[in-house]
Amino acid sequence: MAKNEWILDVLSDLNAFAVANGMNALAEQLADTSLIAAAEIASIQDEARASPDGKKIQFEPNPGGFGKHRHA
């Protein structure tokens, strides 16, 4: 697991607890927070994967749900 991805597991556990205990507003907020955390982690990982020639690698979603990359 990558350095920061553990937080996604924690947020998932908190969300499951909130759902199981009828804390629906909290569960919704935790779901939103998980999306934000995943986006930020991906952003950090993208920066770390910059190509050696200094060009940034851009990722685009495709209809299959997996990203495809292209060089800027």
PDB file of N, CA and C in Angstrom:
ATOM      1  N   MET A   1       0.859  -1.179   0.000  1.00  0.00           N
ATOM      2  CA  MET A   1       0.000   0.000   0.000  1.00  0.00           C
ATOM      3  C   MET A   1       0.900   1.236   0.000  1.00  0.00           C
ATOM      4  N   ALA A   2       0.502   2.207  -0.771  1.00  0.00           N
ATOM      5  CA  ALA A   2       1.300   3.433  -0.859  1.00  0.00           C
ATOM      6  C   ALA A   2       1.304   4.165   0.475  1.00  0.00           C
ATOM      7  N   LYS A   3       2.217   5.076   0.568  1.00  0.00           N
ATOM      8  CA  LYS A   3       2.489   5.787   1.811  1.00  0.00           C
ATOM      9  C   LYS A   3       1.250   6.419   2.458  1.00  0.00           C
ATOM     10  N   ASN A   4       0.359   7.019   1.681  1.00  0.00           N
ATOM     11  CA  ASN A   4      -0.776   7.750   2.251  1.00  0.00           C
ATOM     12  C   ASN A   4      -2.124   7.047   2.126  1.00  0.00           C
ATOM     13  N   GLU A   5      -2.167   5.902   1.462  1.00  0.00           N
ATOM     14  CA  GLU A   5      -3.452   5.271   1.189  1.00  0.00           C
ATOM     15  C   GLU A   5      -4.121   4.649   2.408  1.00  0.00           C
ATOM     16  N   TRP A   6      -3.414   4.514   3.505  1.00  0.00           N
ATOM     17  CA  TRP A   6      -4.000   3.957   4.724  1.00  0.00           C
ATOM     18  C   TRP A   6      -5.191   4.797   5.187  1.00  0.00           C
ATOM     19  N   ILE A   7      -5.157   6.089   4.902  1.00  0.00           N
ATOM     20  CA  ILE A   7      -6.239   6.967   5.354  1.00  0.00           C
ATOM     21  C   ILE A   7      -7.563   6.586   4.695  1.00  0.00           C
ATOM     22  N   LEU A   8      -7.510   6.042   3.484  1.00  0.00           N
ATOM     23  CA  LEU A   8      -8.739   5.615   2.815  1.00  0.00           C
ATOM     24  C   LEU A   8      -9.391   4.460   3.568  1.00  0.00           C
ATOM     25  N   ASP A   9      -8.585   3.564   4.113  1.00  0.00           N
ATOM     26  CA  ASP A   9      -9.115   2.459   4.923  1.00  0.00           C
ATOM     27  C   ASP A   9      -9.754   2.978   6.201  1.00  0.00           C
ATOM     28  N   VAL A  10      -9.118   3.942   6.827  1.00  0.00           N
ATOM     29  CA  VAL A  10      -9.662   4.524   8.060  1.00  0.00           C
ATOM     30  C   VAL A  10     -10.997   5.195   7.775  1.00  0.00           C
ATOM     31  N   LEU A  11     -11.048   5.981   6.704  1.00  0.00           N
ATOM     32  CA  LEU A  11     -12.298   6.666   6.346  1.00  0.00           C
ATOM     33  C   LEU A  11     -13.400   5.661   6.015  1.00  0.00           C
ATOM     34  N   SER A  12     -13.030   4.569   5.358  1.00  0.00           N
ATOM     35  CA  SER A  12     -14.000   3.523   5.041  1.00  0.00           C
ATOM     36  C   SER A  12     -14.555   2.883   6.313  1.00  0.00           C
ATOM     37  N   ASP A  13     -13.683   2.598   7.267  1.00  0.00           N
ATOM     38  CA  ASP A  13     -14.125   2.024   8.543  1.00  0.00           C
ATOM     39  C   ASP A  13     -15.044   2.984   9.291  1.00  0.00           C
ATOM     40  N   LEU A  14     -14.689   4.269   9.303  1.00  0.00           N
ATOM     41  CA  LEU A  14     -15.540   5.265   9.964  1.00  0.00           C
ATOM     42  C   LEU A  14     -16.895   5.365   9.274  1.00  0.00           C
ATOM     43  N   ASN A  15     -16.884   5.302   7.951  1.00  0.00           N
ATOM     44  CA  ASN A  15     -18.137   5.364   7.202  1.00  0.00           C
ATOM     45  C   ASN A  15     -19.023   4.163   7.538  1.00  0.00           C
ATOM     46  N   ALA A  16     -18.430   2.974   7.579  1.00  0.00           N
ATOM     47  CA  ALA A  16     -19.203   1.768   7.916  1.00  0.00           C
ATOM     48  C   ALA A  16     -19.807   1.878   9.310  1.00  0.00           C
ATOM     49  N   PHE A  17     -19.046   2.418  10.247  1.00  0.00           N
ATOM     50  CA  PHE A  17     -19.558   2.618  11.604  1.00  0.00           C
ATOM     51  C   PHE A  17     -20.728   3.594  11.600  1.00  0.00           C
ATOM     52  N   ALA A  18     -20.574   4.693  10.866  1.00  0.00           N
ATOM     53  CA  ALA A  18     -21.634   5.694  10.814  1.00  0.00           C
ATOM     54  C   ALA A  18     -22.905   5.109  10.217  1.00  0.00           C
ATOM     55  N   VAL A  19     -22.784   4.357   9.136  1.00  0.00           N
ATOM     56  CA  VAL A  19     -23.952   3.737   8.502  1.00  0.00           C
ATOM     57  C   VAL A  19     -24.611   2.754   9.463  1.00  0.00           C
ATOM     58  N   ALA A  20     -23.817   1.913  10.105  1.00  0.00           N
ATOM     59  CA  ALA A  20     -24.348   0.891  11.014  1.00  0.00           C
ATOM     60  C   ALA A  20     -25.052   1.495  12.223  1.00  0.00           C
ATOM     61  N   ASN A  21     -24.706   2.723  12.561  1.00  0.00           N
ATOM     62  CA  ASN A  21     -25.282   3.364  13.740  1.00  0.00           C
ATOM     63  C   ASN A  21     -26.249   4.496  13.401  1.00  0.00           C
ATOM     64  N   GLY A  22     -26.729   4.505  12.172  1.00  0.00           N
ATOM     65  CA  GLY A  22     -27.757   5.458  11.776  1.00  0.00           C
ATOM     66  C   GLY A  22     -27.281   6.899  11.681  1.00  0.00           C
ATOM     67  N   MET A  23     -26.004   7.104  11.531  1.00  0.00           N
ATOM     68  CA  MET A  23     -25.446   8.464  11.410  1.00  0.00           C
ATOM     69  C   MET A  23     -25.318   8.799   9.929  1.00  0.00           C
ATOM     70  N   ASN A  24     -26.443   9.011   9.273  1.00  0.00           N
ATOM     71  CA  ASN A  24     -26.464   9.150   7.822  1.00  0.00           C
ATOM     72  C   ASN A  24     -25.747  10.401   7.320  1.00  0.00           C
ATOM     73  N   ALA A  25     -25.917  11.521   7.994  1.00  0.00           N
ATOM     74  CA  ALA A  25     -25.243  12.753   7.565  1.00  0.00           C
ATOM     75  C   ALA A  25     -23.729  12.588   7.679  1.00  0.00           C
ATOM     76  N   LEU A  26     -23.289  11.972   8.760  1.00  0.00           N
ATOM     77  CA  LEU A  26     -21.860  11.727   8.934  1.00  0.00           C
ATOM     78  C   LEU A  26     -21.346  10.784   7.862  1.00  0.00           C
ATOM     79  N   ALA A  27     -22.106   9.743   7.554  1.00  0.00           N
ATOM     80  CA  ALA A  27     -21.706   8.789   6.516  1.00  0.00           C
ATOM     81  C   ALA A  27     -21.542   9.491   5.169  1.00  0.00           C
ATOM     82  N   GLU A  28     -22.457  10.395   4.845  1.00  0.00           N
ATOM     83  CA  GLU A  28     -22.353  11.139   3.588  1.00  0.00           C
ATOM     84  C   GLU A  28     -21.106  12.016   3.572  1.00  0.00           C
ATOM     85  N   GLN A  29     -20.832  12.674   4.679  1.00  0.00           N
ATOM     86  CA  GLN A  29     -19.644  13.523   4.761  1.00  0.00           C
ATOM     87  C   GLN A  29     -18.371  12.695   4.646  1.00  0.00           C
ATOM     88  N   LEU A  30     -18.356  11.540   5.261  1.00  0.00           N
ATOM     89  CA  LEU A  30     -17.182  10.674   5.183  1.00  0.00           C
ATOM     90  C   LEU A  30     -16.981  10.150   3.763  1.00  0.00           C
ATOM     91  N   ALA A  31     -18.063   9.871   3.057  1.00  0.00           N
ATOM     92  CA  ALA A  31     -17.960   9.446   1.662  1.00  0.00           C
ATOM     93  C   ALA A  31     -17.344  10.564   0.819  1.00  0.00           C
ATOM     94  N   ASP A  32     -17.809  11.793   1.037  1.00  0.00           N
ATOM     95  CA  ASP A  32     -17.233  12.937   0.323  1.00  0.00           C
ATOM     96  C   ASP A  32     -15.759  13.112   0.683  1.00  0.00           C
ATOM     97  N   THR A  33     -15.452  12.975   1.953  1.00  0.00           N
ATOM     98  CA  THR A  33     -14.074  13.119   2.415  1.00  0.00           C
ATOM     99  C   THR A  33     -13.175  12.055   1.793  1.00  0.00           C
ATOM    100  N   SER A  34     -13.689  10.847   1.633  1.00  0.00           N
ATOM    101  CA  SER A  34     -12.922   9.780   1.000  1.00  0.00           C
ATOM    102  C   SER A  34     -12.577  10.124  -0.442  1.00  0.00           C
ATOM    103  N   LEU A  35     -13.536  10.716  -1.156  1.00  0.00           N
ATOM    104  CA  LEU A  35     -13.280  11.116  -2.543  1.00  0.00           C
ATOM    105  C   LEU A  35     -12.198  12.191  -2.609  1.00  0.00           C
ATOM    106  N   ILE A  36     -12.282  13.155  -1.709  1.00  0.00           N
ATOM    107  CA  ILE A  36     -11.280  14.220  -1.672  1.00  0.00           C
ATOM    108  C   ILE A  36      -9.905  13.648  -1.336  1.00  0.00           C
ATOM    109  N   ALA A  37      -9.858  12.756  -0.359  1.00  0.00           N
ATOM    110  CA  ALA A  37      -8.587  12.142   0.034  1.00  0.00           C
ATOM    111  C   ALA A  37      -7.991  11.345  -1.129  1.00  0.00           C
ATOM    112  N   ALA A  38      -8.819  10.585  -1.831  1.00  0.00           N
ATOM    113  CA  ALA A  38      -8.328   9.796  -2.962  1.00  0.00           C
ATOM    114  C   ALA A  38      -7.781  10.700  -4.060  1.00  0.00           C
ATOM    115  N   ALA A  39      -8.464  11.813  -4.316  1.00  0.00           N
ATOM    116  CA  ALA A  39      -7.996  12.752  -5.338  1.00  0.00           C
ATOM    117  C   ALA A  39      -6.659  13.373  -4.943  1.00  0.00           C
ATOM    118  N   GLU A  40      -6.537  13.746  -3.697  1.00  0.00           N
ATOM    119  CA  GLU A  40      -5.277  14.348  -3.244  1.00  0.00           C
ATOM    120  C   GLU A  40      -4.139  13.341  -3.268  1.00  0.00           C
ATOM    121  N   ILE A  41      -4.402  12.112  -2.871  1.00  0.00           N
ATOM    122  CA  ILE A  41      -3.376  11.071  -2.907  1.00  0.00           C
ATOM    123  C   ILE A  41      -2.945  10.833  -4.353  1.00  0.00           C
ATOM    124  N   ALA A  42      -3.912  10.773  -5.260  1.00  0.00           N
ATOM    125  CA  ALA A  42      -3.582  10.582  -6.673  1.00  0.00           C
ATOM    126  C   ALA A  42      -2.742  11.742  -7.196  1.00  0.00           C
ATOM    127  N   SER A  43      -3.065  12.941  -6.778  1.00  0.00           N
ATOM    128  CA  SER A  43      -2.305  14.118  -7.202  1.00  0.00           C
ATOM    129  C   SER A  43      -0.861  14.038  -6.724  1.00  0.00           C
ATOM    130  N   ILE A  44      -0.686  13.641  -5.497  1.00  0.00           N
ATOM    131  CA  ILE A  44       0.659  13.492  -4.937  1.00  0.00           C
ATOM    132  C   ILE A  44       1.424  12.411  -5.702  1.00  0.00           C
ATOM    133  N   GLN A  45       0.753  11.304  -6.006  1.00  0.00           N
ATOM    134  CA  GLN A  45       1.399  10.217  -6.734  1.00  0.00           C
ATOM    135  C   GLN A  45       1.743  10.641  -8.156  1.00  0.00           C
ATOM    136  N   ASP A  46       0.877  11.439  -8.786  1.00  0.00           N
ATOM    137  CA  ASP A  46       1.156  11.933 -10.134  1.00  0.00           C
ATOM    138  C   ASP A  46       2.413  12.794 -10.142  1.00  0.00           C
ATOM    139  N   GLU A  47       2.563  13.634  -9.132  1.00  0.00           N
ATOM    140  CA  GLU A  47       3.755  14.470  -9.039  1.00  0.00           C
ATOM    141  C   GLU A  47       5.003  13.616  -8.890  1.00  0.00           C
ATOM    142  N   ALA A  48       4.888  12.545  -8.137  1.00  0.00           N
ATOM    143  CA  ALA A  48       6.035  11.661  -7.911  1.00  0.00           C
ATOM    144  C   ALA A  48       6.386  10.868  -9.168  1.00  0.00           C
ATOM    145  N   ARG A  49       5.399  10.686 -10.070  1.00  0.00           N
ATOM    146  CA  ARG A  49       5.626   9.914 -11.295  1.00  0.00           C
ATOM    147  C   ARG A  49       6.022  10.780 -12.477  1.00  0.00           C
ATOM    148  N   ALA A  50       6.397  11.994 -12.259  1.00  0.00           N
ATOM    149  CA  ALA A  50       6.832  12.851 -13.363  1.00  0.00           C
ATOM    150  C   ALA A  50       7.962  12.150 -14.102  1.00  0.00           C
ATOM    151  N   SER A  51       7.943  12.226 -15.409  1.00  0.00           N
ATOM    152  CA  SER A  51       8.942  11.518 -16.203  1.00  0.00           C
ATOM    153  C   SER A  51      10.316  12.153 -16.033  1.00  0.00           C
ATOM    154  N   PRO A  52      11.358  11.374 -16.231  1.00  0.00           N
ATOM    155  CA  PRO A  52      12.723  11.866 -16.033  1.00  0.00           C
ATOM    156  C   PRO A  52      13.086  13.041 -16.941  1.00  0.00           C
ATOM    157  N   ASP A  53      12.410  13.168 -18.105  1.00  0.00           N
ATOM    158  CA  ASP A  53      12.739  14.257 -19.010  1.00  0.00           C
ATOM    159  C   ASP A  53      12.086  15.579 -18.603  1.00  0.00           C
ATOM    160  N   GLY A  54      11.380  15.565 -17.488  1.00  0.00           N
ATOM    161  CA  GLY A  54      10.772  16.784 -16.965  1.00  0.00           C
ATOM    162  C   GLY A  54       9.370  17.044 -17.466  1.00  0.00           C
ATOM    163  N   LYS A  55       8.898  16.238 -18.423  1.00  0.00           N
ATOM    164  CA  LYS A  55       7.532  16.417 -18.918  1.00  0.00           C
ATOM    165  C   LYS A  55       6.557  15.794 -17.936  1.00  0.00           C
ATOM    166  N   LYS A  56       5.448  16.458 -17.747  1.00  0.00           N
ATOM    167  CA  LYS A  56       4.431  15.910 -16.849  1.00  0.00           C
ATOM    168  C   LYS A  56       3.623  14.855 -17.582  1.00  0.00           C
ATOM    169  N   ILE A  57       3.208  13.865 -16.848  1.00  0.00           N
ATOM    170  CA  ILE A  57       2.335  12.841 -17.389  1.00  0.00           C
ATOM    171  C   ILE A  57       0.916  13.183 -16.960  1.00  0.00           C
ATOM    172  N   GLN A  58       0.002  13.241 -17.931  1.00  0.00           N
ATOM    173  CA  GLN A  58      -1.384  13.557 -17.624  1.00  0.00           C
ATOM    174  C   GLN A  58      -2.213  12.282 -17.727  1.00  0.00           C
ATOM    175  N   PHE A  59      -3.194  12.160 -16.850  1.00  0.00           N
ATOM    176  CA  PHE A  59      -4.055  10.998 -16.855  1.00  0.00           C
ATOM    177  C   PHE A  59      -5.462  11.421 -17.234  1.00  0.00           C
ATOM    178  N   GLU A  60      -6.084  10.650 -18.107  1.00  0.00           N
ATOM    179  CA  GLU A  60      -7.451  10.928 -18.527  1.00  0.00           C
ATOM    180  C   GLU A  60      -8.292   9.698 -18.224  1.00  0.00           C
ATOM    181  N   PRO A  61      -9.517   9.905 -17.746  1.00  0.00           N
ATOM    182  CA  PRO A  61     -10.383   8.744 -17.538  1.00  0.00           C
ATOM    183  C   PRO A  61     -10.830   8.190 -18.888  1.00  0.00           C
ATOM    184  N   ASN A  62     -11.053   6.879 -18.943  1.00  0.00           N
ATOM    185  CA  ASN A  62     -11.652   6.319 -20.147  1.00  0.00           C
ATOM    186  C   ASN A  62     -12.949   5.641 -19.742  1.00  0.00           C
ATOM    187  N   PRO A  63     -13.803   5.324 -20.697  1.00  0.00           N
ATOM    188  CA  PRO A  63     -15.116   4.755 -20.356  1.00  0.00           C
ATOM    189  C   PRO A  63     -15.052   3.465 -19.567  1.00  0.00           C
ATOM    190  N   GLY A  64     -13.940   2.736 -19.638  1.00  0.00           N
ATOM    191  CA  GLY A  64     -13.821   1.484 -18.906  1.00  0.00           C
ATOM    192  C   GLY A  64     -13.526   1.670 -17.436  1.00  0.00           C
ATOM    193  N   GLY A  65     -13.336   2.906 -16.990  1.00  0.00           N
ATOM    194  CA  GLY A  65     -13.093   3.165 -15.590  1.00  0.00           C
ATOM    195  C   GLY A  65     -11.622   3.190 -15.215  1.00  0.00           C
ATOM    196  N   PHE A  66     -10.740   2.922 -16.167  1.00  0.00           N
ATOM    197  CA  PHE A  66      -9.315   2.951 -15.884  1.00  0.00           C
ATOM    198  C   PHE A  66      -8.713   4.157 -16.593  1.00  0.00           C
ATOM    199  N   GLY A  67      -7.743   4.768 -15.975  1.00  0.00           N
ATOM    200  CA  GLY A  67      -7.128   5.946 -16.577  1.00  0.00           C
ATOM    201  C   GLY A  67      -6.164   5.568 -17.692  1.00  0.00           C
ATOM    202  N   LYS A  68      -6.056   6.426 -18.681  1.00  0.00           N
ATOM    203  CA  LYS A  68      -5.014   6.259 -19.684  1.00  0.00           C
ATOM    204  C   LYS A  68      -4.154   7.501 -19.615  1.00  0.00           C
ATOM    205  N   HIS A  69      -2.877   7.357 -19.842  1.00  0.00           N
ATOM    206  CA  HIS A  69      -2.009   8.508 -19.677  1.00  0.00           C
ATOM    207  C   HIS A  69      -1.478   8.982 -21.022  1.00  0.00           C
ATOM    208  N   ARG A  70      -1.135  10.245 -21.055  1.00  0.00           N
ATOM    209  CA  ARG A  70      -0.477  10.812 -22.217  1.00  0.00           C
ATOM    210  C   ARG A  70       0.510  11.834 -21.686  1.00  0.00           C
ATOM    211  N   HIS A  71       1.527  12.079 -22.446  1.00  0.00           N
ATOM    212  CA  HIS A  71       2.551  13.048 -22.036  1.00  0.00           C
ATOM    213  C   HIS A  71       2.141  14.425 -22.495  1.00  0.00           C
ATOM    214  N   ALA A  72       2.405  15.431 -21.642  1.00  0.00           N
ATOM    215  CA  ALA A  72       2.058  16.811 -21.974  1.00  0.00           C
ATOM    216  C   ALA A  72       3.024  17.375 -22.987  1.00  0.00           C
TER     217      ALA A  72
END
